[in-house]
PDB file of N, CA and C in Angstrom:
ATOM      1  N   MET A   1     249.482 169.873 154.460  1.00  0.00           N
ATOM      2  CA  MET A   1     247.963 170.965 155.318  1.00  0.00           C
ATOM      3  C   MET A   1     246.936 169.797 154.045  1.00  0.00           C
ATOM      4  N   ARG A   2     247.495 169.268 153.594  1.00  0.00           N
ATOM      5  CA  ARG A   2     246.666 167.964 153.001  1.00  0.00           C
ATOM      6  C   ARG A   2     246.611 167.073 153.671  1.00  0.00           C
ATOM      7  N   ARG A   3     247.271 166.477 154.560  1.00  0.00           N
ATOM      8  CA  ARG A   3     247.311 165.256 155.431  1.00  0.00           C
ATOM      9  C   ARG A   3     246.277 165.581 156.230  1.00  0.00           C
ATOM     10  N   VAL A   4     246.055 166.923 157.186  1.00  0.00           N
ATOM     11  CA  VAL A   4     245.621 167.622 157.852  1.00  0.00           C
ATOM     12  C   VAL A   4     243.610 167.730 157.559  1.00  0.00           C
ATOM     13  N   ILE A   5     243.555 168.059 156.054  1.00  0.00           N
ATOM     14  CA  ILE A   5     242.229 168.274 155.201  1.00  0.00           C
ATOM     15  C   ILE A   5     242.080 166.570 155.209  1.00  0.00           C
ATOM     16  N   LEU A   6     242.803 165.620 155.007  1.00  0.00           N
ATOM     17  CA  LEU A   6     242.309 164.844 154.688  1.00  0.00           C
ATOM     18  C   LEU A   6     241.464 163.826 156.221  1.00  0.00           C
ATOM     19  N   PHE A   7     242.707 163.764 156.986  1.00  0.00           N
ATOM     20  CA  PHE A   7     242.428 163.664 158.170  1.00  0.00           C
ATOM     21  C   PHE A   7     240.772 164.147 158.977  1.00  0.00           C
ATOM     22  N   TRP A   8     240.355 165.168 158.826  1.00  0.00           N
ATOM     23  CA  TRP A   8     239.036 166.290 159.338  1.00  0.00           C
ATOM     24  C   TRP A   8     238.136 165.748 158.270  1.00  0.00           C
ATOM     25  N   THR A   9     238.383 165.645 157.227  1.00  0.00           N
ATOM     26  CA  THR A   9     237.391 165.111 156.435  1.00  0.00           C
ATOM     27  C   THR A   9     237.039 163.523 156.428  1.00  0.00           C
ATOM     28  N   LEU A  10     237.617 163.192 157.147  1.00  0.00           N
ATOM     29  CA  LEU A  10     237.680 161.139 157.746  1.00  0.00           C
ATOM     30  C   LEU A  10     236.909 161.909 158.833  1.00  0.00           C
ATOM     31  N   ILE A  11     236.471 162.653 159.780  1.00  0.00           N
ATOM     32  CA  ILE A  11     235.706 163.056 160.988  1.00  0.00           C
ATOM     33  C   ILE A  11     234.499 163.307 160.885  1.00  0.00           C
ATOM     34  N   SER A  12     233.876 163.655 159.287  1.00  0.00           N
ATOM     35  CA  SER A  12     233.012 163.445 158.612  1.00  0.00           C
ATOM     36  C   SER A  12     232.380 162.220 158.612  1.00  0.00           C
ATOM     37  N   LEU A  13     232.385 161.748 158.659  1.00  0.00           N
ATOM     38  CA  LEU A  13     231.680 160.248 158.732  1.00  0.00           C
ATOM     39  C   LEU A  13     231.010 159.337 159.460  1.00  0.00           C
ATOM     40  N   SER A  14     229.520 159.696 159.544  1.00  0.00           N
ATOM     41  CA  SER A  14     228.019 159.519 160.324  1.00  0.00           C
ATOM     42  C   SER A  14     227.043 158.880 159.719  1.00  0.00           C
ATOM     43  N   SER A  15     225.779 158.924 160.212  1.00  0.00           N
ATOM     44  CA  SER A  15     224.663 158.206 159.824  1.00  0.00           C
ATOM     45  C   SER A  15     224.417 157.035 160.234  1.00  0.00           C
ATOM     46  N   CYS A  16     223.309 156.565 160.641  1.00  0.00           N
ATOM     47  CA  CYS A  16     223.091 155.368 160.533  1.00  0.00           C
ATOM     48  C   CYS A  16     222.508 154.740 162.135  1.00  0.00           C
ATOM     49  N   GLY A  17     222.450 153.924 162.693  1.00  0.00           N
ATOM     50  CA  GLY A  17     222.168 153.582 164.207  1.00  0.00           C
ATOM     51  C   GLY A  17     221.807 154.380 164.610  1.00  0.00           C
ATOM     52  N   PRO A  18     220.686 155.279 164.793  1.00  0.00           N
ATOM     53  CA  PRO A  18     220.434 156.125 165.799  1.00  0.00           C
ATOM     54  C   PRO A  18     221.253 156.544 167.264  1.00  0.00           C
ATOM     55  N   VAL A  19     221.193 155.712 167.753  1.00  0.00           N
ATOM     56  CA  VAL A  19     221.727 155.685 169.102  1.00  0.00           C
ATOM     57  C   VAL A  19     223.361 155.630 169.478  1.00  0.00           C
ATOM     58  N   ALA A  20     223.834 154.703 168.288  1.00  0.00           N
ATOM     59  CA  ALA A  20     225.660 153.936 168.410  1.00  0.00           C
ATOM     60  C   ALA A  20     225.633 155.054 167.418  1.00  0.00           C
ATOM     61  N   MET A  21     225.609 156.220 166.848  1.00  0.00           N
ATOM     62  CA  MET A  21     226.038 156.829 165.939  1.00  0.00           C
ATOM     63  C   MET A  21     225.781 157.839 166.452  1.00  0.00           C
ATOM     64  N   ASP A  22     224.856 158.710 167.100  1.00  0.00           N
ATOM     65  CA  ASP A  22     224.823 159.515 168.227  1.00  0.00           C
ATOM     66  C   ASP A  22     225.715 159.684 168.789  1.00  0.00           C
ATOM     67  N   ASP A  23     226.012 158.665 169.258  1.00  0.00           N
ATOM     68  CA  ASP A  23     227.205 158.328 170.510  1.00  0.00           C
ATOM     69  C   ASP A  23     228.531 159.081 170.119  1.00  0.00           C
ATOM     70  N   VAL A  24     228.274 158.297 168.557  1.00  0.00           N
ATOM     71  CA  VAL A  24     230.041 158.640 168.240  1.00  0.00           C
ATOM     72  C   VAL A  24     229.989 159.554 167.888  1.00  0.00           C
ATOM     73  N   ARG A  25     228.738 160.520 167.017  1.00  0.00           N
ATOM     74  CA  ARG A  25     228.962 161.878 167.021  1.00  0.00           C
ATOM     75  C   ARG A  25     228.899 162.843 168.073  1.00  0.00           C
ATOM     76  N   CYS A  26     228.787 162.275 169.182  1.00  0.00           N
ATOM     77  CA  CYS A  26     228.473 163.227 170.140  1.00  0.00           C
ATOM     78  C   CYS A  26     230.051 163.308 170.912  1.00  0.00           C
ATOM     79  N   GLU A  27     230.984 162.447 171.006  1.00  0.00           N
ATOM     80  CA  GLU A  27     231.981 161.907 171.777  1.00  0.00           C
ATOM     81  C   GLU A  27     233.274 162.566 170.596  1.00  0.00           C
ATOM     82  N   GLY A  28     232.504 162.890 169.033  1.00  0.00           N
ATOM     83  CA  GLY A  28     233.811 162.896 168.282  1.00  0.00           C
ATOM     84  C   GLY A  28     233.724 164.533 168.226  1.00  0.00           C
ATOM     85  N   GLU A  29     232.480 165.449 169.090  1.00  0.00           N
ATOM     86  CA  GLU A  29     232.411 166.342 168.665  1.00  0.00           C
ATOM     87  C   GLU A  29     233.403 167.130 169.855  1.00  0.00           C
ATOM     88  N   ALA A  30     233.071 166.093 170.760  1.00  0.00           N
ATOM     89  CA  ALA A  30     233.697 166.728 172.205  1.00  0.00           C
ATOM     90  C   ALA A  30     235.109 166.530 171.877  1.00  0.00           C
ATOM     91  N   GLN A  31     235.325 165.562 171.301  1.00  0.00           N
ATOM     92  CA  GLN A  31     237.204 165.195 171.215  1.00  0.00           C
ATOM     93  C   GLN A  31     237.711 166.509 170.609  1.00  0.00           C
ATOM     94  N   THR A  32     236.905 166.936 169.086  1.00  0.00           N
ATOM     95  CA  THR A  32     237.528 167.797 168.523  1.00  0.00           C
ATOM     96  C   THR A  32     237.639 169.164 169.043  1.00  0.00           C
ATOM     97  N   ARG A  33     236.486 169.358 170.275  1.00  0.00           N
ATOM     98  CA  ARG A  33     236.590 170.758 171.131  1.00  0.00           C
ATOM     99  C   ARG A  33     237.770 170.530 171.635  1.00  0.00           C
ATOM    100  N   LEU A  34     238.160 169.110 172.628  1.00  0.00           N
ATOM    101  CA  LEU A  34     238.805 169.455 173.463  1.00  0.00           C
ATOM    102  C   LEU A  34     240.934 169.548 172.455  1.00  0.00           C
ATOM    103  N   LEU A  35     240.724 169.305 171.340  1.00  0.00           N
ATOM    104  CA  LEU A  35     241.636 169.565 170.742  1.00  0.00           C
ATOM    105  C   LEU A  35     241.507 170.931 170.530  1.00  0.00           C
ATOM    106  N   ALA A  36     241.040 171.165 169.391  1.00  0.00           N
ATOM    107  CA  ALA A  36     240.738 172.952 169.836  1.00  0.00           C
ATOM    108  C   ALA A  36     241.498 173.692 170.803  1.00  0.00           C
ATOM    109  N   LYS A  37     240.827 173.324 171.927  1.00  0.00           N
ATOM    110  CA  LYS A  37     241.008 173.902 172.843  1.00  0.00           C
ATOM    111  C   LYS A  37     242.392 173.668 173.445  1.00  0.00           C
ATOM    112  N   GLU A  38     243.063 172.767 173.572  1.00  0.00           N
ATOM    113  CA  GLU A  38     244.531 172.639 173.612  1.00  0.00           C
ATOM    114  C   GLU A  38     245.741 173.047 172.427  1.00  0.00           C
ATOM    115  N   LEU A  39     245.394 173.199 171.663  1.00  0.00           N
ATOM    116  CA  LEU A  39     245.662 173.982 170.286  1.00  0.00           C
ATOM    117  C   LEU A  39     246.004 175.618 170.918  1.00  0.00           C
ATOM    118  N   ARG A  40     244.558 176.150 171.257  1.00  0.00           N
ATOM    119  CA  ARG A  40     244.352 177.152 171.633  1.00  0.00           C
ATOM    120  C   ARG A  40     245.680 177.235 172.383  1.00  0.00           C
ATOM    121  N   SER A  41     245.480 176.848 173.740  1.00  0.00           N
ATOM    122  CA  SER A  41     246.687 177.173 174.636  1.00  0.00           C
ATOM    123  C   SER A  41     247.930 177.197 174.666  1.00  0.00           C
ATOM    124  N   ILE A  42     248.561 176.888 172.914  1.00  0.00           N
ATOM    125  CA  ILE A  42     249.703 176.710 172.827  1.00  0.00           C
ATOM    126  C   ILE A  42     250.048 178.040 172.014  1.00  0.00           C
ATOM    127  N   GLU A  43     251.030 178.721 172.744  1.00  0.00           N
ATOM    128  CA  GLU A  43     251.189 180.047 172.008  1.00  0.00           C
ATOM    129  C   GLU A  43     253.352 180.484 171.627  1.00  0.00           C
ATOM    130  N   THR A  44     253.986 179.122 172.079  1.00  0.00           N
ATOM    131  CA  THR A  44     255.077 179.369 171.424  1.00  0.00           C
ATOM    132  C   THR A  44     255.297 177.761 170.681  1.00  0.00           C
ATOM    133  N   GLN A  45     256.844 177.364 170.441  1.00  0.00           N
ATOM    134  CA  GLN A  45     257.592 176.819 170.192  1.00  0.00           C
ATOM    135  C   GLN A  45     257.293 175.443 170.904  1.00  0.00           C
ATOM    136  N   GLU A  46     258.002 175.912 172.301  1.00  0.00           N
ATOM    137  CA  GLU A  46     258.454 175.553 173.478  1.00  0.00           C
ATOM    138  C   GLU A  46     257.112 174.866 173.717  1.00  0.00           C
ATOM    139  N   ASP A  47     255.974 175.828 173.675  1.00  0.00           N
ATOM    140  CA  ASP A  47     254.395 174.856 174.417  1.00  0.00           C
ATOM    141  C   ASP A  47     254.015 174.114 172.845  1.00  0.00           C
ATOM    142  N   LEU A  48     254.087 174.135 171.576  1.00  0.00           N
ATOM    143  CA  LEU A  48     253.942 172.933 171.088  1.00  0.00           C
ATOM    144  C   LEU A  48     254.938 171.674 171.539  1.00  0.00           C
ATOM    145  N   GLN A  49     256.037 172.218 171.670  1.00  0.00           N
ATOM    146  CA  GLN A  49     256.659 170.533 171.696  1.00  0.00           C
ATOM    147  C   GLN A  49     256.248 169.585 172.789  1.00  0.00           C
ATOM    148  N   LYS A  50     255.981 170.737 173.809  1.00  0.00           N
ATOM    149  CA  LYS A  50     255.719 169.958 175.108  1.00  0.00           C
ATOM    150  C   LYS A  50     254.160 168.882 174.872  1.00  0.00           C
ATOM    151  N   ALA A  51     253.262 169.388 174.000  1.00  0.00           N
ATOM    152  CA  ALA A  51     252.200 169.385 173.868  1.00  0.00           C
ATOM    153  C   ALA A  51     251.782 168.523 173.005  1.00  0.00           C
ATOM    154  N   ILE A  52     252.944 168.015 172.359  1.00  0.00           N
ATOM    155  CA  ILE A  52     252.849 166.599 171.349  1.00  0.00           C
ATOM    156  C   ILE A  52     252.521 165.217 172.298  1.00  0.00           C
ATOM    157  N   PRO A  53     252.518 165.213 172.737  1.00  0.00           N
ATOM    158  CA  PRO A  53     252.309 163.759 173.708  1.00  0.00           C
ATOM    159  C   PRO A  53     250.702 163.611 174.001  1.00  0.00           C
ATOM    160  N   LYS A  54     250.459 165.137 174.636  1.00  0.00           N
ATOM    161  CA  LYS A  54     249.057 165.138 174.353  1.00  0.00           C
ATOM    162  C   LYS A  54     248.254 164.860 173.157  1.00  0.00           C
ATOM    163  N   LEU A  55     248.276 165.624 172.367  1.00  0.00           N
ATOM    164  CA  LEU A  55     248.055 165.764 171.241  1.00  0.00           C
ATOM    165  C   LEU A  55     248.203 164.754 170.238  1.00  0.00           C
ATOM    166  N   ARG A  56     249.055 163.735 170.592  1.00  0.00           N
ATOM    167  CA  ARG A  56     249.080 162.438 169.786  1.00  0.00           C
ATOM    168  C   ARG A  56     247.762 161.253 170.329  1.00  0.00           C
ATOM    169  N   LYS A  57     248.236 161.704 171.757  1.00  0.00           N
ATOM    170  CA  LYS A  57     246.224 160.895 172.281  1.00  0.00           C
ATOM    171  C   LYS A  57     245.075 161.498 172.049  1.00  0.00           C
ATOM    172  N   ARG A  58     245.134 162.206 171.915  1.00  0.00           N
ATOM    173  CA  ARG A  58     243.790 163.339 171.519  1.00  0.00           C
ATOM    174  C   ARG A  58     243.310 162.689 169.876  1.00  0.00           C
ATOM    175  N   TYR A  59     244.595 162.594 169.335  1.00  0.00           N
ATOM    176  CA  TYR A  59     244.133 162.529 167.491  1.00  0.00           C
ATOM    177  C   TYR A  59     243.954 161.017 167.644  1.00  0.00           C
ATOM    178  N   ASN A  60     244.500 159.596 168.766  1.00  0.00           N
ATOM    179  CA  ASN A  60     244.709 158.971 168.485  1.00  0.00           C
ATOM    180  C   ASN A  60     242.878 158.293 169.348  1.00  0.00           C
ATOM    181  N   LYS A  61     242.529 158.908 170.147  1.00  0.00           N
ATOM    182  CA  LYS A  61     241.313 158.614 170.154  1.00  0.00           C
ATOM    183  C   LYS A  61     240.123 159.266 169.545  1.00  0.00           C
ATOM    184  N   ILE A  62     240.689 160.402 168.982  1.00  0.00           N
ATOM    185  CA  ILE A  62     239.425 160.683 167.061  1.00  0.00           C
ATOM    186  C   ILE A  62     239.839 159.634 166.039  1.00  0.00           C
ATOM    187  N   ALA A  63     241.133 159.166 166.052  1.00  0.00           N
ATOM    188  CA  ALA A  63     240.878 158.059 164.919  1.00  0.00           C
ATOM    189  C   ALA A  63     240.624 156.722 165.706  1.00  0.00           C
ATOM    190  N   ASP A  64     239.618 156.457 166.574  1.00  0.00           N
ATOM    191  CA  ASP A  64     239.223 155.279 167.764  1.00  0.00           C
ATOM    192  C   ASP A  64     238.132 155.531 166.894  1.00  0.00           C
ATOM    193  N   LEU A  65     237.809 156.799 167.040  1.00  0.00           N
ATOM    194  CA  LEU A  65     236.185 157.224 166.715  1.00  0.00           C
ATOM    195  C   LEU A  65     235.160 157.034 164.625  1.00  0.00           C
ATOM    196  N   LEU A  66     237.040 157.496 164.639  1.00  0.00           N
ATOM    197  CA  LEU A  66     236.603 157.338 163.170  1.00  0.00           C
ATOM    198  C   LEU A  66     236.136 156.089 162.357  1.00  0.00           C
ATOM    199  N   ILE A  67     237.169 155.113 163.347  1.00  0.00           N
ATOM    200  CA  ILE A  67     237.001 153.949 162.770  1.00  0.00           C
ATOM    201  C   ILE A  67     236.013 153.298 163.112  1.00  0.00           C
ATOM    202  N   GLU A  68     235.678 153.657 164.499  1.00  0.00           N
ATOM    203  CA  GLU A  68     234.305 152.949 165.312  1.00  0.00           C
ATOM    204  C   GLU A  68     232.957 153.397 164.015  1.00  0.00           C
ATOM    205  N   ALA A  69     233.092 154.833 163.694  1.00  0.00           N
ATOM    206  CA  ALA A  69     231.931 155.553 162.714  1.00  0.00           C
ATOM    207  C   ALA A  69     232.031 154.647 161.688  1.00  0.00           C
ATOM    208  N   LYS A  70     233.431 154.392 160.782  1.00  0.00           N
ATOM    209  CA  LYS A  70     233.344 153.867 159.309  1.00  0.00           C
ATOM    210  C   LYS A  70     232.022 151.979 159.783  1.00  0.00           C
ATOM    211  N   HIS A  71     233.103 151.702 160.669  1.00  0.00           N
ATOM    212  CA  HIS A  71     232.570 150.207 160.437  1.00  0.00           C
ATOM    213  C   HIS A  71     230.861 150.202 160.637  1.00  0.00           C
ATOM    214  N   VAL A  72     230.341 151.326 161.191  1.00  0.00           N
ATOM    215  CA  VAL A  72     229.094 151.313 161.384  1.00  0.00           C
ATOM    216  C   VAL A  72     228.421 152.143 160.298  1.00  0.00           C
ATOM    217  N   SER A  73     229.144 152.540 159.431  1.00  0.00           N
ATOM    218  CA  SER A  73     228.433 153.807 158.336  1.00  0.00           C
ATOM    219  C   SER A  73     229.395 154.223 157.433  1.00  0.00           C
ATOM    220  N   GLY A  74     229.073 154.241 156.076  1.00  0.00           N
ATOM    221  CA  GLY A  74     229.646 154.729 155.430  1.00  0.00           C
ATOM    222  C   GLY A  74     229.806 156.271 154.654  1.00  0.00           C
ATOM    223  N   GLU A  75     228.487 156.947 155.801  1.00  0.00           N
ATOM    224  CA  GLU A  75     228.130 157.811 154.698  1.00  0.00           C
ATOM    225  C   GLU A  75     228.265 159.169 155.493  1.00  0.00           C
ATOM    226  N   GLU A  76     228.806 160.568 154.692  1.00  0.00           N
ATOM    227  CA  GLU A  76     229.335 161.419 155.458  1.00  0.00           C
ATOM    228  C   GLU A  76     228.472 162.251 155.675  1.00  0.00           C
ATOM    229  N   MET A  77     229.013 163.519 156.423  1.00  0.00           N
ATOM    230  CA  MET A  77     228.164 164.480 157.457  1.00  0.00           C
ATOM    231  C   MET A  77     228.632 165.709 157.020  1.00  0.00           C
ATOM    232  N   ASP A  78     228.147 166.851 157.167  1.00  0.00           N
ATOM    233  CA  ASP A  78     228.180 168.058 157.125  1.00  0.00           C
ATOM    234  C   ASP A  78     229.527 168.815 158.258  1.00  0.00           C
ATOM    235  N   GLY A  79     230.616 169.288 157.934  1.00  0.00           N
ATOM    236  CA  GLY A  79     231.672 169.516 158.968  1.00  0.00           C
ATOM    237  C   GLY A  79     230.349 170.237 160.101  1.00  0.00           C
ATOM    238  N   SER A  80     231.160 170.287 161.364  1.00  0.00           N
ATOM    239  CA  SER A  80     230.503 170.779 162.829  1.00  0.00           C
ATOM    240  C   SER A  80     231.313 172.694 162.830  1.00  0.00           C
ATOM    241  N   GLU A  81     230.846 173.173 163.945  1.00  0.00           N
ATOM    242  CA  GLU A  81     231.561 173.897 164.423  1.00  0.00           C
ATOM    243  C   GLU A  81     233.156 173.916 165.304  1.00  0.00           C
ATOM    244  N   ALA A  82     232.507 173.195 165.694  1.00  0.00           N
ATOM    245  CA  ALA A  82     233.653 172.315 166.654  1.00  0.00           C
ATOM    246  C   ALA A  82     234.397 171.892 165.605  1.00  0.00           C
ATOM    247  N   SER A  83     234.840 171.236 164.274  1.00  0.00           N
ATOM    248  CA  SER A  83     236.127 170.646 163.048  1.00  0.00           C
ATOM    249  C   SER A  83     236.605 172.275 162.952  1.00  0.00           C
ATOM    250  N   GLU A  84     235.425 173.166 162.366  1.00  0.00           N
ATOM    251  CA  GLU A  84     235.547 174.958 162.017  1.00  0.00           C
ATOM    252  C   GLU A  84     236.919 175.111 163.301  1.00  0.00           C
ATOM    253  N   GLU A  85     236.997 175.196 164.048  1.00  0.00           N
ATOM    254  CA  GLU A  85     237.063 176.101 165.260  1.00  0.00           C
ATOM    255  C   GLU A  85     238.779 175.063 165.145  1.00  0.00           C
ATOM    256  N   LEU A  86     238.677 173.549 165.335  1.00  0.00           N
ATOM    257  CA  LEU A  86     239.999 172.928 164.911  1.00  0.00           C
ATOM    258  C   LEU A  86     240.331 173.427 164.094  1.00  0.00           C
ATOM    259  N   PHE A  87     240.090 173.909 162.720  1.00  0.00           N
ATOM    260  CA  PHE A  87     240.515 174.059 161.732  1.00  0.00           C
ATOM    261  C   PHE A  87     241.426 175.081 161.678  1.00  0.00           C
ATOM    262  N   ALA A  88     240.650 176.489 162.702  1.00  0.00           N
ATOM    263  CA  ALA A  88     240.871 177.298 162.664  1.00  0.00           C
ATOM    264  C   ALA A  88     242.770 177.316 163.148  1.00  0.00           C
ATOM    265  N   GLU A  89     242.031 176.743 164.993  1.00  0.00           N
ATOM    266  CA  GLU A  89     243.640 176.590 165.143  1.00  0.00           C
ATOM    267  C   GLU A  89     244.609 175.974 164.694  1.00  0.00           C
ATOM    268  N   LEU A  90     244.237 174.913 163.736  1.00  0.00           N
ATOM    269  CA  LEU A  90     245.631 174.394 163.049  1.00  0.00           C
ATOM    270  C   LEU A  90     246.652 175.513 162.367  1.00  0.00           C
ATOM    271  N   ALA A  91     245.841 176.310 161.789  1.00  0.00           N
ATOM    272  CA  ALA A  91     246.078 176.852 160.547  1.00  0.00           C
ATOM    273  C   ALA A  91     246.631 177.990 161.900  1.00  0.00           C
ATOM    274  N   ARG A  92     246.488 178.522 162.356  1.00  0.00           N
ATOM    275  CA  ARG A  92     247.603 179.343 163.260  1.00  0.00           C
ATOM    276  C   ARG A  92     248.512 178.351 164.153  1.00  0.00           C
ATOM    277  N   ILE A  93     248.744 177.027 164.291  1.00  0.00           N
ATOM    278  CA  ILE A  93     249.749 176.655 165.211  1.00  0.00           C
ATOM    279  C   ILE A  93     250.123 176.739 163.885  1.00  0.00           C
ATOM    280  N   TYR A  94     250.033 175.974 162.229  1.00  0.00           N
ATOM    281  CA  TYR A  94     251.141 176.187 160.977  1.00  0.00           C
ATOM    282  C   TYR A  94     251.478 177.347 160.592  1.00  0.00           C
ATOM    283  N   GLU A  95     251.012 178.036 160.942  1.00  0.00           N
ATOM    284  CA  GLU A  95     252.152 179.376 160.935  1.00  0.00           C
ATOM    285  C   GLU A  95     252.942 179.723 161.679  1.00  0.00           C
ATOM    286  N   MET A  96     253.135 178.898 162.621  1.00  0.00           N
ATOM    287  CA  MET A  96     254.267 179.057 163.917  1.00  0.00           C
ATOM    288  C   MET A  96     255.963 178.396 162.953  1.00  0.00           C
ATOM    289  N   PRO A  97     256.938 178.946 163.299  1.00  0.00           N
ATOM    290  CA  PRO A  97     258.266 178.071 162.919  1.00  0.00           C
ATOM    291  C   PRO A  97     258.289 176.568 163.849  1.00  0.00           C
ATOM    292  N   GLY A  98     258.184 175.525 162.483  1.00  0.00           N
ATOM    293  CA  GLY A  98     258.032 174.192 163.187  1.00  0.00           C
ATOM    294  C   GLY A  98     256.555 173.686 163.087  1.00  0.00           C
ATOM    295  N   GLY A  99     255.522 173.903 163.259  1.00  0.00           N
ATOM    296  CA  GLY A  99     254.342 174.412 163.908  1.00  0.00           C
ATOM    297  C   GLY A  99     254.008 172.944 163.079  1.00  0.00           C
ATOM    298  N   ARG A 100     253.409 173.163 161.398  1.00  0.00           N
ATOM    299  CA  ARG A 100     253.516 171.992 160.665  1.00  0.00           C
ATOM    300  C   ARG A 100     253.729 171.146 160.790  1.00  0.00           C
ATOM    301  N   GLU A 101     255.135 170.902 161.145  1.00  0.00           N
ATOM    302  CA  GLU A 101     256.537 169.716 160.998  1.00  0.00           C
ATOM    303  C   GLU A 101     255.823 168.727 162.638  1.00  0.00           C
ATOM    304  N   ALA A 102     255.655 169.668 163.532  1.00  0.00           N
ATOM    305  CA  ALA A 102     255.281 169.271 164.867  1.00  0.00           C
ATOM    306  C   ALA A 102     253.386 168.528 164.548  1.00  0.00           C
ATOM    307  N   ILE A 103     252.358 169.356 164.076  1.00  0.00           N
ATOM    308  CA  ILE A 103     251.521 168.854 164.076  1.00  0.00           C
ATOM    309  C   ILE A 103     251.139 167.448 163.548  1.00  0.00           C
ATOM    310  N   GLU A 104     251.932 167.397 162.264  1.00  0.00           N
ATOM    311  CA  GLU A 104     252.063 166.461 161.498  1.00  0.00           C
ATOM    312  C   GLU A 104     253.016 164.864 162.155  1.00  0.00           C
ATOM    313  N   LEU A 105     253.504 165.168 162.916  1.00  0.00           N
ATOM    314  CA  LEU A 105     254.587 164.428 164.070  1.00  0.00           C
ATOM    315  C   LEU A 105     253.288 163.666 165.230  1.00  0.00           C
ATOM    316  N   ALA A 106     252.440 164.785 165.284  1.00  0.00           N
ATOM    317  CA  ALA A 106     251.629 164.477 166.410  1.00  0.00           C
ATOM    318  C   ALA A 106     250.321 163.694 165.754  1.00  0.00           C
ATOM    319  N   GLN A 107     250.095 163.855 164.392  1.00  0.00           N
ATOM    320  CA  GLN A 107     249.250 162.959 164.068  1.00  0.00           C
ATOM    321  C   GLN A 107     249.570 161.977 162.942  1.00  0.00           C
ATOM    322  N   ALA A 108     250.839 161.920 162.884  1.00  0.00           N
ATOM    323  CA  ALA A 108     251.106 160.431 162.251  1.00  0.00           C
ATOM    324  C   ALA A 108     250.239 158.898 162.695  1.00  0.00           C
ATOM    325  N   GLN A 109     251.338 158.730 163.824  1.00  0.00           N
ATOM    326  CA  GLN A 109     250.310 157.503 164.071  1.00  0.00           C
ATOM    327  C   GLN A 109     248.715 156.894 164.151  1.00  0.00           C
ATOM    328  N   ALA A 110     248.303 158.140 164.518  1.00  0.00           N
ATOM    329  CA  ALA A 110     246.480 157.847 164.505  1.00  0.00           C
ATOM    330  C   ALA A 110     245.949 157.973 162.622  1.00  0.00           C
ATOM    331  N   LEU A 111     247.132 158.732 161.828  1.00  0.00           N
ATOM    332  CA  LEU A 111     247.036 158.931 160.476  1.00  0.00           C
ATOM    333  C   LEU A 111     247.402 157.243 159.767  1.00  0.00           C
ATOM    334  N   GLN A 112     248.413 157.033 159.981  1.00  0.00           N
ATOM    335  CA  GLN A 112     248.613 155.893 159.419  1.00  0.00           C
ATOM    336  C   GLN A 112     247.642 154.444 160.008  1.00  0.00           C
ATOM    337  N   ARG A 113     246.655 154.711 161.282  1.00  0.00           N
ATOM    338  CA  ARG A 113     245.609 153.357 161.857  1.00  0.00           C
ATOM    339  C   ARG A 113     244.803 154.035 160.797  1.00  0.00           C
ATOM    340  N   LEU A 114     244.367 154.762 160.788  1.00  0.00           N
ATOM    341  CA  LEU A 114     242.962 155.468 159.320  1.00  0.00           C
ATOM    342  C   LEU A 114     243.066 154.918 158.005  1.00  0.00           C
ATOM    343  N   GLN A 115     244.844 155.044 157.429  1.00  0.00           N
ATOM    344  CA  GLN A 115     244.746 154.739 156.259  1.00  0.00           C
ATOM    345  C   GLN A 115     244.680 153.461 155.947  1.00  0.00           C
ATOM    346  N   ALA A 116     245.158 152.533 157.210  1.00  0.00           N
ATOM    347  CA  ALA A 116     244.978 150.785 157.376  1.00  0.00           C
ATOM    348  C   ALA A 116     244.009 150.120 157.435  1.00  0.00           C
ATOM    349  N   GLU A 117     242.613 151.524 157.631  1.00  0.00           N
ATOM    350  CA  GLU A 117     241.464 150.592 158.580  1.00  0.00           C
ATOM    351  C   GLU A 117     240.546 151.516 157.377  1.00  0.00           C
ATOM    352  N   LEU A 118     240.559 152.219 157.292  1.00  0.00           N
ATOM    353  CA  LEU A 118     240.002 152.858 156.014  1.00  0.00           C
ATOM    354  C   LEU A 118     239.858 152.561 154.633  1.00  0.00           C
TER     355      LEU A 118
END
């Protein structure tokens, strides 16, 4: 859970040039909502296993945005409604047998990139 919290704390980066940072923030919100939607559709462990490639791609897109945001600004912003939705879905998935491990597997590449970059 600590890795997930770290990952989503990093998503809170923002604030700098109005156009560039607003674009990054908007795209981050959209990607976060899409990830929450994908997680919401998962009801079984089998669904989760099938979803890992899609989740991995979504986490990598979010990591790209976080890296871009960090290069533009080092400040943080408050959480959003989208990140709260995502947190709720992640908590639900974590309660599934093998859920935590599957999510961490999907996040691993993006998290490594973030740790190396930030």
